[in-house]
Amino acid sequence: MLAVLGDLVEDVVVWPSGPIRPRTDTASRVFRRRGGSAANVAVAAARHGPVRFLGRVGDDAAGRALTDALAACGVDVRVQRSGTTGAVVVLVDPDGERTMLPDRGSAAELTGLDPFWLDGVTLLHLPAYSLVAEPIGTAARAAADTVVRGGGSVSVDASSTGALSGFGVPRFRSLLGDLRPSHLLANRDESDLLGLPAGVPPGCTVVVKDGARPARVHVPGAAPVDVAVAPVPGVRDTTGAGDAFAGGHLAAVLAGADPVRACAAGHVEAARVLGLPGAGGWRGADCPAWT
């Protein structure tokens, strides 16, 4: 089984009508969505097989609504409840590029997991967000150790140049050496920042995404392979596309796909969210996105 450890938060997605006008109003469309990198990955993966989400939400109405919505998408939800549920304001420009203003709230306060949460987990996916803050970072590393000792493996998504820079690139690369992931996913900017694929742990497959351009798959001991992205008409919002890619990719890996076919499966999932506001639904059965 795939498990994803990390954030489940509310995304407040803002589509301004034009450039932001300081000190006055800018007419906008505003959407409330289920968000959080880990939760987005879980929803995409749940389209193809069993997946478990591990995280923390506030003991509040938002946390209850978000976990209900995630469960309605077919995800096995295991959460701690304390504090205040996190939220992220996502500003999306007309070309679909987004700028995020996160307040992770209780999501980053995940502490030691119930050991039963990891029963049956053969692949644990960790967005970098789950590794670069505390106490969630300690919980994530302990969970990874448990899964690996049980014969499973770990995958990591580089997630954010801002988060990586704040944590420290050498420190993150050292952490990858400790985790020894079987798969590392990154976009072009994250890959350049980390200097990929150089220096990754032995046996790690690296997938570098590049928007509408082909992704490059680096399999240890083999020449890199470029995997084309099918054209997607009407791209409006790239929020969560990388998470959807990860969910599709990892589900395919667990189903036995080779890295190239798994990459192609990731592209298919990413395409599903590009025409919609945000990455996920907020009202139960409206998965993977509420229109």
C-alpha atoms as a PDB file:
ATOM      1  CA  MET A   1       0.000   0.000   0.000  1.00  0.00           C
ATOM      2  CA  LEU A   2       1.039   3.581  -0.660  1.00  0.00           C
ATOM      3  CA  ALA A   3       0.979   6.007   2.264  1.00  0.00           C
ATOM      4  CA  VAL A   4       1.522   9.760   1.973  1.00  0.00           C
ATOM      5  CA  LEU A   5       2.593  11.760   5.031  1.00  0.00           C
ATOM      6  CA  GLY A   6       2.132  15.495   5.207  1.00  0.00           C
ATOM      7  CA  ASP A   7      -0.272  18.388   4.872  1.00  0.00           C
ATOM      8  CA  LEU A   8      -4.039  18.545   4.620  1.00  0.00           C
ATOM      9  CA  VAL A   9      -5.071  22.218   4.589  1.00  0.00           C
ATOM     10  CA  GLU A  10      -7.598  24.595   3.097  1.00  0.00           C
ATOM     11  CA  ASP A  11      -6.487  26.324  -0.098  1.00  0.00           C
ATOM     12  CA  VAL A  12      -7.946  29.776  -0.717  1.00  0.00           C
ATOM     13  CA  VAL A  13      -7.348  30.099  -4.449  1.00  0.00           C
ATOM     14  CA  VAL A  14      -7.462  33.625  -5.874  1.00  0.00           C
ATOM     15  CA  TRP A  15      -7.752  34.369  -9.589  1.00  0.00           C
ATOM     16  CA  PRO A  16      -7.218  38.163  -9.857  1.00  0.00           C
ATOM     17  CA  SER A  17      -8.815  39.884 -12.816  1.00  0.00           C
ATOM     18  CA  GLY A  18      -5.481  41.568 -13.614  1.00  0.00           C
ATOM     19  CA  PRO A  19      -2.281  42.741 -11.968  1.00  0.00           C
ATOM     20  CA  ILE A  20      -2.560  43.240  -8.214  1.00  0.00           C
ATOM     21  CA  ARG A  21      -3.143  46.950  -7.533  1.00  0.00           C
ATOM     22  CA  PRO A  22      -1.398  47.989  -4.290  1.00  0.00           C
ATOM     23  CA  ARG A  23      -3.371  50.066  -1.780  1.00  0.00           C
ATOM     24  CA  THR A  24      -6.722  49.473  -3.507  1.00  0.00           C
ATOM     25  CA  ASP A  25      -9.010  46.710  -4.794  1.00  0.00           C
ATOM     26  CA  THR A  26      -8.349  44.135  -7.495  1.00  0.00           C
ATOM     27  CA  ALA A  27     -11.509  42.283  -8.545  1.00  0.00           C
ATOM     28  CA  SER A  28     -10.958  38.532  -8.239  1.00  0.00           C
ATOM     29  CA  ARG A  29     -12.605  35.134  -8.212  1.00  0.00           C
ATOM     30  CA  VAL A  30     -11.995  33.251  -4.971  1.00  0.00           C
ATOM     31  CA  PHE A  31     -12.332  29.476  -4.520  1.00  0.00           C
ATOM     32  CA  ARG A  32     -12.012  27.398  -1.360  1.00  0.00           C
ATOM     33  CA  ARG A  33     -10.449  24.015  -1.996  1.00  0.00           C
ATOM     34  CA  ARG A  34      -9.066  21.013  -0.195  1.00  0.00           C
ATOM     35  CA  GLY A  35      -5.296  21.386  -0.396  1.00  0.00           C
ATOM     36  CA  GLY A  36      -1.986  20.264   1.003  1.00  0.00           C
ATOM     37  CA  SER A  37       0.672  18.551  -1.090  1.00  0.00           C
ATOM     38  CA  ALA A  38       0.356  15.171   0.613  1.00  0.00           C
ATOM     39  CA  ALA A  39      -3.433  15.180   0.454  1.00  0.00           C
ATOM     40  CA  ASN A  40      -3.342  16.081  -3.247  1.00  0.00           C
ATOM     41  CA  VAL A  41      -1.001  13.162  -3.942  1.00  0.00           C
ATOM     42  CA  ALA A  42      -3.270  10.797  -2.040  1.00  0.00           C
ATOM     43  CA  VAL A  43      -6.360  11.832  -4.004  1.00  0.00           C
ATOM     44  CA  ALA A  44      -4.653  11.296  -7.360  1.00  0.00           C
ATOM     45  CA  ALA A  45      -3.285   7.912  -6.273  1.00  0.00           C
ATOM     46  CA  ALA A  46      -6.675   6.809  -4.915  1.00  0.00           C
ATOM     47  CA  ARG A  47      -8.007   6.767  -8.460  1.00  0.00           C
ATOM     48  CA  HIS A  48      -5.836   3.699  -9.056  1.00  0.00           C
ATOM     49  CA  GLY A  49      -5.561   1.774  -5.806  1.00  0.00           C
ATOM     50  CA  PRO A  50      -5.525   1.888  -2.016  1.00  0.00           C
ATOM     51  CA  VAL A  51      -3.744   4.809  -0.413  1.00  0.00           C
ATOM     52  CA  ARG A  52      -3.458   6.073   3.149  1.00  0.00           C
ATOM     53  CA  PHE A  53      -3.005   9.674   4.276  1.00  0.00           C
ATOM     54  CA  LEU A  54      -1.080  10.380   7.479  1.00  0.00           C
ATOM     55  CA  GLY A  55      -1.209  13.864   8.956  1.00  0.00           C
ATOM     56  CA  ARG A  56      -2.577  16.340  11.457  1.00  0.00           C
ATOM     57  CA  VAL A  57      -5.453  18.802  11.281  1.00  0.00           C
ATOM     58  CA  GLY A  58      -6.985  21.159  13.779  1.00  0.00           C
ATOM     59  CA  ASP A  59      -9.696  20.042  16.138  1.00  0.00           C
ATOM     60  CA  ASP A  60     -12.073  22.385  14.352  1.00  0.00           C
ATOM     61  CA  ALA A  61     -14.798  22.505  11.715  1.00  0.00           C
ATOM     62  CA  ALA A  62     -12.335  22.999   8.873  1.00  0.00           C
ATOM     63  CA  GLY A  63     -10.333  19.944   9.909  1.00  0.00           C
ATOM     64  CA  ARG A  64     -13.445  17.776  10.119  1.00  0.00           C
ATOM     65  CA  ALA A  65     -14.707  18.940   6.732  1.00  0.00           C
ATOM     66  CA  LEU A  66     -11.329  18.358   5.077  1.00  0.00           C
ATOM     67  CA  THR A  67     -10.906  14.847   6.448  1.00  0.00           C
ATOM     68  CA  ASP A  68     -14.471  13.953   5.434  1.00  0.00           C
ATOM     69  CA  ALA A  69     -13.797  15.247   1.923  1.00  0.00           C
ATOM     70  CA  LEU A  70     -10.539  13.310   1.682  1.00  0.00           C
ATOM     71  CA  ALA A  71     -12.173  10.086   2.850  1.00  0.00           C
ATOM     72  CA  ALA A  72     -14.963  10.565   0.300  1.00  0.00           C
ATOM     73  CA  CYS A  73     -12.277  10.444  -2.401  1.00  0.00           C
ATOM     74  CA  GLY A  74     -11.417   6.891  -1.349  1.00  0.00           C
ATOM     75  CA  VAL A  75      -8.431   7.737   0.870  1.00  0.00           C
ATOM     76  CA  ASP A  76      -7.828   5.891   4.152  1.00  0.00           C
ATOM     77  CA  VAL A  77      -7.419   8.916   6.441  1.00  0.00           C
ATOM     78  CA  ARG A  78      -5.366   8.712   9.652  1.00  0.00           C
ATOM     79  CA  VAL A  79      -4.957  12.046  11.430  1.00  0.00           C
ATOM     80  CA  GLN A  80      -4.119  13.602  14.733  1.00  0.00           C
ATOM     81  CA  ARG A  81      -6.454  16.441  15.747  1.00  0.00           C
ATOM     82  CA  SER A  82      -5.147  19.433  17.669  1.00  0.00           C
ATOM     83  CA  GLY A  83      -4.643  23.148  17.198  1.00  0.00           C
ATOM     84  CA  THR A  84      -5.859  25.037  14.142  1.00  0.00           C
ATOM     85  CA  THR A  85      -6.188  23.652  10.623  1.00  0.00           C
ATOM     86  CA  GLY A  86      -3.745  25.225   8.197  1.00  0.00           C
ATOM     87  CA  ALA A  87      -4.580  27.356   5.182  1.00  0.00           C
ATOM     88  CA  VAL A  88      -2.748  28.509   2.073  1.00  0.00           C
ATOM     89  CA  VAL A  89      -3.611  31.564  -0.015  1.00  0.00           C
ATOM     90  CA  VAL A  90      -2.799  30.773  -3.645  1.00  0.00           C
ATOM     91  CA  LEU A  91      -2.525  33.678  -6.088  1.00  0.00           C
ATOM     92  CA  VAL A  92      -2.840  32.466  -9.681  1.00  0.00           C
ATOM     93  CA  ASP A  93      -1.888  34.665 -12.634  1.00  0.00           C
ATOM     94  CA  PRO A  94      -3.715  34.506 -16.008  1.00  0.00           C
ATOM     95  CA  ASP A  95      -1.080  32.080 -17.357  1.00  0.00           C
ATOM     96  CA  GLY A  96      -1.821  29.640 -14.548  1.00  0.00           C
ATOM     97  CA  GLU A  97       1.360  30.139 -12.533  1.00  0.00           C
ATOM     98  CA  ARG A  98       0.768  30.331  -8.798  1.00  0.00           C
ATOM     99  CA  THR A  99       2.305  32.047  -5.815  1.00  0.00           C
ATOM    100  CA  MET A 100       1.555  30.529  -2.429  1.00  0.00           C
ATOM    101  CA  LEU A 101       1.277  32.171   0.979  1.00  0.00           C
ATOM    102  CA  PRO A 102       1.161  29.273   3.465  1.00  0.00           C
ATOM    103  CA  ASP A 103       0.157  29.095   7.104  1.00  0.00           C
ATOM    104  CA  ARG A 104       0.467  25.344   7.701  1.00  0.00           C
ATOM    105  CA  GLY A 105      -1.047  25.500  11.162  1.00  0.00           C
ATOM    106  CA  SER A 106      -1.332  22.113  12.850  1.00  0.00           C
ATOM    107  CA  ALA A 107      -0.158  20.243   9.719  1.00  0.00           C
ATOM    108  CA  ALA A 108       3.489  20.926  10.598  1.00  0.00           C
ATOM    109  CA  GLU A 109       2.900  19.856  14.207  1.00  0.00           C
ATOM    110  CA  LEU A 110       2.504  16.143  13.437  1.00  0.00           C
ATOM    111  CA  THR A 111       4.276  14.141  16.138  1.00  0.00           C
ATOM    112  CA  GLY A 112       5.026  10.440  16.700  1.00  0.00           C
ATOM    113  CA  LEU A 113       2.667   8.255  14.695  1.00  0.00           C
ATOM    114  CA  ASP A 114       0.495   5.441  15.957  1.00  0.00           C
ATOM    115  CA  PRO A 115       2.503   2.375  14.819  1.00  0.00           C
ATOM    116  CA  PHE A 116      -0.647   0.787  13.394  1.00  0.00           C
ATOM    117  CA  TRP A 117      -0.880   3.625  10.855  1.00  0.00           C
ATOM    118  CA  LEU A 118       2.047   2.068   8.985  1.00  0.00           C
ATOM    119  CA  ASP A 119       0.681  -1.479   8.873  1.00  0.00           C
ATOM    120  CA  GLY A 120       0.762  -2.795   5.295  1.00  0.00           C
ATOM    121  CA  VAL A 121       2.623   0.233   3.920  1.00  0.00           C
ATOM    122  CA  THR A 122       5.122  -0.777   1.232  1.00  0.00           C
ATOM    123  CA  LEU A 123       5.847   2.710  -0.142  1.00  0.00           C
ATOM    124  CA  LEU A 124       5.877   5.892   1.948  1.00  0.00           C
ATOM    125  CA  HIS A 125       5.828   9.177   0.046  1.00  0.00           C
ATOM    126  CA  LEU A 126       7.241  12.299   1.685  1.00  0.00           C
ATOM    127  CA  PRO A 127       6.874  15.762   0.158  1.00  0.00           C
ATOM    128  CA  ALA A 128       9.814  17.945   1.161  1.00  0.00           C
ATOM    129  CA  TYR A 129       7.353  20.046   3.144  1.00  0.00           C
ATOM    130  CA  SER A 130       7.139  17.065   5.527  1.00  0.00           C
ATOM    131  CA  LEU A 131      10.916  17.039   6.036  1.00  0.00           C
ATOM    132  CA  VAL A 132      11.915  20.681   6.419  1.00  0.00           C
ATOM    133  CA  ALA A 133       9.836  21.672   9.455  1.00  0.00           C
ATOM    134  CA  GLU A 134       9.489  20.353  12.993  1.00  0.00           C
ATOM    135  CA  PRO A 135       8.111  18.347  14.653  1.00  0.00           C
ATOM    136  CA  ILE A 136       6.710  16.833  11.452  1.00  0.00           C
ATOM    137  CA  GLY A 137      10.238  16.238  10.111  1.00  0.00           C
ATOM    138  CA  THR A 138      11.127  13.985  13.027  1.00  0.00           C
ATOM    139  CA  ALA A 139       7.853  12.079  12.646  1.00  0.00           C
ATOM    140  CA  ALA A 140       8.434  11.664   8.899  1.00  0.00           C
ATOM    141  CA  ARG A 141      11.970  10.327   9.336  1.00  0.00           C
ATOM    142  CA  ALA A 142      10.835   7.877  12.004  1.00  0.00           C
ATOM    143  CA  ALA A 143       7.999   6.664   9.761  1.00  0.00           C
ATOM    144  CA  ALA A 144      10.431   6.213   6.870  1.00  0.00           C
ATOM    145  CA  ASP A 145      12.751   4.171   9.068  1.00  0.00           C
ATOM    146  CA  THR A 146       9.866   1.937  10.146  1.00  0.00           C
ATOM    147  CA  VAL A 147       8.722   1.328   6.564  1.00  0.00           C
ATOM    148  CA  VAL A 148      12.237   0.565   5.318  1.00  0.00           C
ATOM    149  CA  ARG A 149      12.946  -1.805   8.222  1.00  0.00           C
ATOM    150  CA  GLY A 150       9.745  -3.603   7.276  1.00  0.00           C
ATOM    151  CA  GLY A 151      10.988  -4.149   3.722  1.00  0.00           C
ATOM    152  CA  GLY A 152       9.276  -1.154   2.097  1.00  0.00           C
ATOM    153  CA  SER A 153      10.677   1.895   0.361  1.00  0.00           C
ATOM    154  CA  VAL A 154      10.448   5.681   0.459  1.00  0.00           C
ATOM    155  CA  SER A 155       9.871   8.313  -2.234  1.00  0.00           C
ATOM    156  CA  VAL A 156      10.478  12.044  -1.909  1.00  0.00           C
ATOM    157  CA  ASP A 157       9.188  15.101  -3.790  1.00  0.00           C
ATOM    158  CA  ALA A 158      11.420  18.186  -3.745  1.00  0.00           C
ATOM    159  CA  SER A 159       8.231  20.293  -3.497  1.00  0.00           C
ATOM    160  CA  SER A 160       9.480  23.895  -3.351  1.00  0.00           C
ATOM    161  CA  THR A 161      12.644  25.890  -4.034  1.00  0.00           C
ATOM    162  CA  GLY A 162      11.630  28.252  -1.246  1.00  0.00           C
ATOM    163  CA  ALA A 163      11.296  25.442   1.286  1.00  0.00           C
ATOM    164  CA  LEU A 164      14.552  23.822   0.146  1.00  0.00           C
ATOM    165  CA  SER A 165      16.487  27.090   0.299  1.00  0.00           C
ATOM    166  CA  GLY A 166      15.127  27.882   3.744  1.00  0.00           C
ATOM    167  CA  PHE A 167      16.115  24.444   5.029  1.00  0.00           C
ATOM    168  CA  GLY A 168      19.491  24.513   3.309  1.00  0.00           C
ATOM    169  CA  VAL A 169      20.407  22.673   0.117  1.00  0.00           C
ATOM    170  CA  PRO A 170      23.451  20.815   1.545  1.00  0.00           C
ATOM    171  CA  ARG A 171      21.389  19.823   4.565  1.00  0.00           C
ATOM    172  CA  PHE A 172      18.571  18.506   2.349  1.00  0.00           C
ATOM    173  CA  ARG A 173      20.975  16.550   0.180  1.00  0.00           C
ATOM    174  CA  SER A 174      22.420  14.987   3.336  1.00  0.00           C
ATOM    175  CA  LEU A 175      18.902  14.094   4.438  1.00  0.00           C
ATOM    176  CA  LEU A 176      18.287  12.352   1.114  1.00  0.00           C
ATOM    177  CA  GLY A 177      21.401  10.302   1.774  1.00  0.00           C
ATOM    178  CA  ASP A 178      19.938   9.198   5.094  1.00  0.00           C
ATOM    179  CA  LEU A 179      16.489   8.415   3.666  1.00  0.00           C
ATOM    180  CA  ARG A 180      17.838   6.613   0.565  1.00  0.00           C
ATOM    181  CA  PRO A 181      14.605   7.077  -1.445  1.00  0.00           C
ATOM    182  CA  SER A 182      13.822   4.760  -4.335  1.00  0.00           C
ATOM    183  CA  HIS A 183      12.264   7.692  -6.250  1.00  0.00           C
ATOM    184  CA  LEU A 184      12.916  11.439  -6.172  1.00  0.00           C
ATOM    185  CA  LEU A 185      10.562  13.798  -8.006  1.00  0.00           C
ATOM    186  CA  ALA A 186      11.408  17.422  -8.785  1.00  0.00           C
ATOM    187  CA  ASN A 187      10.510  20.168 -11.207  1.00  0.00           C
ATOM    188  CA  ARG A 188      13.171  21.874 -13.289  1.00  0.00           C
ATOM    189  CA  ASP A 189      13.842  24.697 -10.803  1.00  0.00           C
ATOM    190  CA  GLU A 190      14.101  22.288  -7.866  1.00  0.00           C
ATOM    191  CA  SER A 191      16.355  19.992  -9.877  1.00  0.00           C
ATOM    192  CA  ASP A 192      18.692  22.858 -10.761  1.00  0.00           C
ATOM    193  CA  LEU A 193      18.822  23.995  -7.145  1.00  0.00           C
ATOM    194  CA  LEU A 194      19.695  20.491  -5.913  1.00  0.00           C
ATOM    195  CA  GLY A 195      22.059  19.746  -8.803  1.00  0.00           C
ATOM    196  CA  LEU A 196      20.165  16.616  -9.834  1.00  0.00           C
ATOM    197  CA  PRO A 197      20.702  13.887 -10.728  1.00  0.00           C
ATOM    198  CA  ALA A 198      24.229  14.123  -9.317  1.00  0.00           C
ATOM    199  CA  GLY A 199      24.691  13.049  -5.738  1.00  0.00           C
ATOM    200  CA  VAL A 200      21.457  11.111  -5.263  1.00  0.00           C
ATOM    201  CA  PRO A 201      21.609   7.915  -3.199  1.00  0.00           C
ATOM    202  CA  PRO A 202      22.413   4.676  -5.054  1.00  0.00           C
ATOM    203  CA  GLY A 203      19.404   3.034  -6.668  1.00  0.00           C
ATOM    204  CA  CYS A 204      17.303   6.204  -6.735  1.00  0.00           C
ATOM    205  CA  THR A 205      15.284   6.964  -9.874  1.00  0.00           C
ATOM    206  CA  VAL A 206      15.034  10.714 -10.454  1.00  0.00           C
ATOM    207  CA  VAL A 207      12.178  12.266 -12.436  1.00  0.00           C
ATOM    208  CA  VAL A 208      12.581  15.903 -13.461  1.00  0.00           C
ATOM    209  CA  LYS A 209       9.371  17.582 -14.624  1.00  0.00           C
ATOM    210  CA  ASP A 210       9.462  20.642 -16.842  1.00  0.00           C
ATOM    211  CA  GLY A 211       5.924  21.935 -17.283  1.00  0.00           C
ATOM    212  CA  ALA A 212       4.597  21.341 -20.791  1.00  0.00           C
ATOM    213  CA  ARG A 213       8.040  20.204 -21.935  1.00  0.00           C
ATOM    214  CA  PRO A 214       9.125  16.550 -21.696  1.00  0.00           C
ATOM    215  CA  ALA A 215      10.029  15.171 -18.308  1.00  0.00           C
ATOM    216  CA  ARG A 216      13.402  13.479 -17.990  1.00  0.00           C
ATOM    217  CA  VAL A 217      13.666  10.131 -16.235  1.00  0.00           C
ATOM    218  CA  HIS A 218      17.059   9.193 -14.791  1.00  0.00           C
ATOM    219  CA  VAL A 219      17.252   5.481 -13.955  1.00  0.00           C
ATOM    220  CA  PRO A 220      20.474   4.337 -12.270  1.00  0.00           C
ATOM    221  CA  GLY A 221      22.819   2.730 -14.768  1.00  0.00           C
ATOM    222  CA  ALA A 222      20.821   3.775 -17.832  1.00  0.00           C
ATOM    223  CA  ALA A 223      20.747   6.725 -20.211  1.00  0.00           C
ATOM    224  CA  PRO A 224      18.177   9.434 -19.378  1.00  0.00           C
ATOM    225  CA  VAL A 225      14.840   9.117 -21.163  1.00  0.00           C
ATOM    226  CA  ASP A 226      12.589  12.056 -22.100  1.00  0.00           C
ATOM    227  CA  VAL A 227       8.857  11.448 -21.692  1.00  0.00           C
ATOM    228  CA  ALA A 228       6.661  13.793 -23.712  1.00  0.00           C
ATOM    229  CA  VAL A 229       3.701  15.640 -22.225  1.00  0.00           C
ATOM    230  CA  ALA A 230       0.478  15.520 -24.232  1.00  0.00           C
ATOM    231  CA  PRO A 231      -0.898  19.013 -25.027  1.00  0.00           C
ATOM    232  CA  VAL A 232      -3.444  20.205 -22.467  1.00  0.00           C
ATOM    233  CA  PRO A 233      -5.921  22.787 -23.770  1.00  0.00           C
ATOM    234  CA  GLY A 234      -7.221  25.496 -21.483  1.00  0.00           C
ATOM    235  CA  VAL A 235      -4.541  25.473 -18.798  1.00  0.00           C
ATOM    236  CA  ARG A 236      -5.738  27.921 -16.149  1.00  0.00           C
ATOM    237  CA  ASP A 237      -4.230  26.895 -12.830  1.00  0.00           C
ATOM    238  CA  THR A 238      -1.095  24.818 -12.181  1.00  0.00           C
ATOM    239  CA  THR A 239      -1.814  24.446  -8.454  1.00  0.00           C
ATOM    240  CA  GLY A 240      -1.389  20.816  -7.436  1.00  0.00           C
ATOM    241  CA  ALA A 241      -0.311  19.564 -10.859  1.00  0.00           C
ATOM    242  CA  GLY A 242       2.988  18.290  -9.473  1.00  0.00           C
ATOM    243  CA  ASP A 243       1.166  16.532  -6.643  1.00  0.00           C
ATOM    244  CA  ALA A 244      -1.246  14.897  -9.084  1.00  0.00           C
ATOM    245  CA  PHE A 245       1.748  13.783 -11.142  1.00  0.00           C
ATOM    246  CA  ALA A 246       3.277  12.186  -8.049  1.00  0.00           C
ATOM    247  CA  GLY A 247       0.059  10.338  -7.231  1.00  0.00           C
ATOM    248  CA  GLY A 248      -0.289   8.921 -10.733  1.00  0.00           C
ATOM    249  CA  HIS A 249       3.395   8.075 -10.966  1.00  0.00           C
ATOM    250  CA  LEU A 250       3.596   6.279  -7.613  1.00  0.00           C
ATOM    251  CA  ALA A 251       0.374   4.344  -8.168  1.00  0.00           C
ATOM    252  CA  ALA A 252       1.812   3.105 -11.457  1.00  0.00           C
ATOM    253  CA  VAL A 253       5.094   2.148  -9.756  1.00  0.00           C
ATOM    254  CA  LEU A 254       3.197   0.056  -7.214  1.00  0.00           C
ATOM    255  CA  ALA A 255       1.255  -1.569 -10.044  1.00  0.00           C
ATOM    256  CA  GLY A 256       4.541  -2.714 -11.596  1.00  0.00           C
ATOM    257  CA  ALA A 257       5.073  -0.082 -14.290  1.00  0.00           C
ATOM    258  CA  ASP A 258       8.609   0.719 -15.409  1.00  0.00           C
ATOM    259  CA  PRO A 259       9.819   4.285 -14.718  1.00  0.00           C
ATOM    260  CA  VAL A 260       8.952   5.596 -18.195  1.00  0.00           C
ATOM    261  CA  ARG A 261       5.394   4.255 -18.132  1.00  0.00           C
ATOM    262  CA  ALA A 262       5.006   5.499 -14.570  1.00  0.00           C
ATOM    263  CA  CYS A 263       6.082   8.967 -15.709  1.00  0.00           C
ATOM    264  CA  ALA A 264       3.490   8.889 -18.497  1.00  0.00           C
ATOM    265  CA  ALA A 265       0.824   7.929 -15.932  1.00  0.00           C
ATOM    266  CA  GLY A 266       1.880  10.918 -13.855  1.00  0.00           C
ATOM    267  CA  HIS A 267       1.388  13.231 -16.820  1.00  0.00           C
ATOM    268  CA  VAL A 268      -2.177  11.952 -17.240  1.00  0.00           C
ATOM    269  CA  GLU A 269      -3.053  12.739 -13.629  1.00  0.00           C
ATOM    270  CA  ALA A 270      -1.437  16.177 -13.750  1.00  0.00           C
ATOM    271  CA  ALA A 271      -3.513  17.091 -16.803  1.00  0.00           C
ATOM    272  CA  ARG A 272      -6.729  16.494 -14.847  1.00  0.00           C
ATOM    273  CA  VAL A 273      -6.248  19.532 -12.602  1.00  0.00           C
ATOM    274  CA  LEU A 274      -4.821  22.131 -14.983  1.00  0.00           C
ATOM    275  CA  GLY A 275      -8.126  23.611 -16.082  1.00  0.00           C
ATOM    276  CA  LEU A 276      -9.608  23.899 -12.601  1.00  0.00           C
ATOM    277  CA  PRO A 277      -9.125  26.236  -9.641  1.00  0.00           C
ATOM    278  CA  GLY A 278      -6.791  24.691  -7.118  1.00  0.00           C
ATOM    279  CA  ALA A 279      -5.966  21.028  -6.795  1.00  0.00           C
ATOM    280  CA  GLY A 280      -8.877  19.400  -5.040  1.00  0.00           C
ATOM    281  CA  GLY A 281     -12.507  19.333  -3.971  1.00  0.00           C
ATOM    282  CA  TRP A 282     -13.927  20.665  -0.755  1.00  0.00           C
ATOM    283  CA  ARG A 283     -17.355  19.068  -0.672  1.00  0.00           C
ATOM    284  CA  GLY A 284     -17.060  15.315  -0.287  1.00  0.00           C
ATOM    285  CA  ALA A 285     -17.743  13.398  -3.474  1.00  0.00           C
ATOM    286  CA  ASP A 286     -16.549  16.192  -5.762  1.00  0.00           C
ATOM    287  CA  CYS A 287     -13.235  14.491  -6.514  1.00  0.00           C
ATOM    288  CA  PRO A 288     -10.636  15.117  -7.744  1.00  0.00           C
ATOM    289  CA  ALA A 289     -11.784  18.721  -8.034  1.00  0.00           C
ATOM    290  CA  TRP A 290     -14.934  20.661  -7.246  1.00  0.00           C
ATOM    291  CA  THR A 291     -16.236  22.653 -10.148  1.00  0.00           C
END
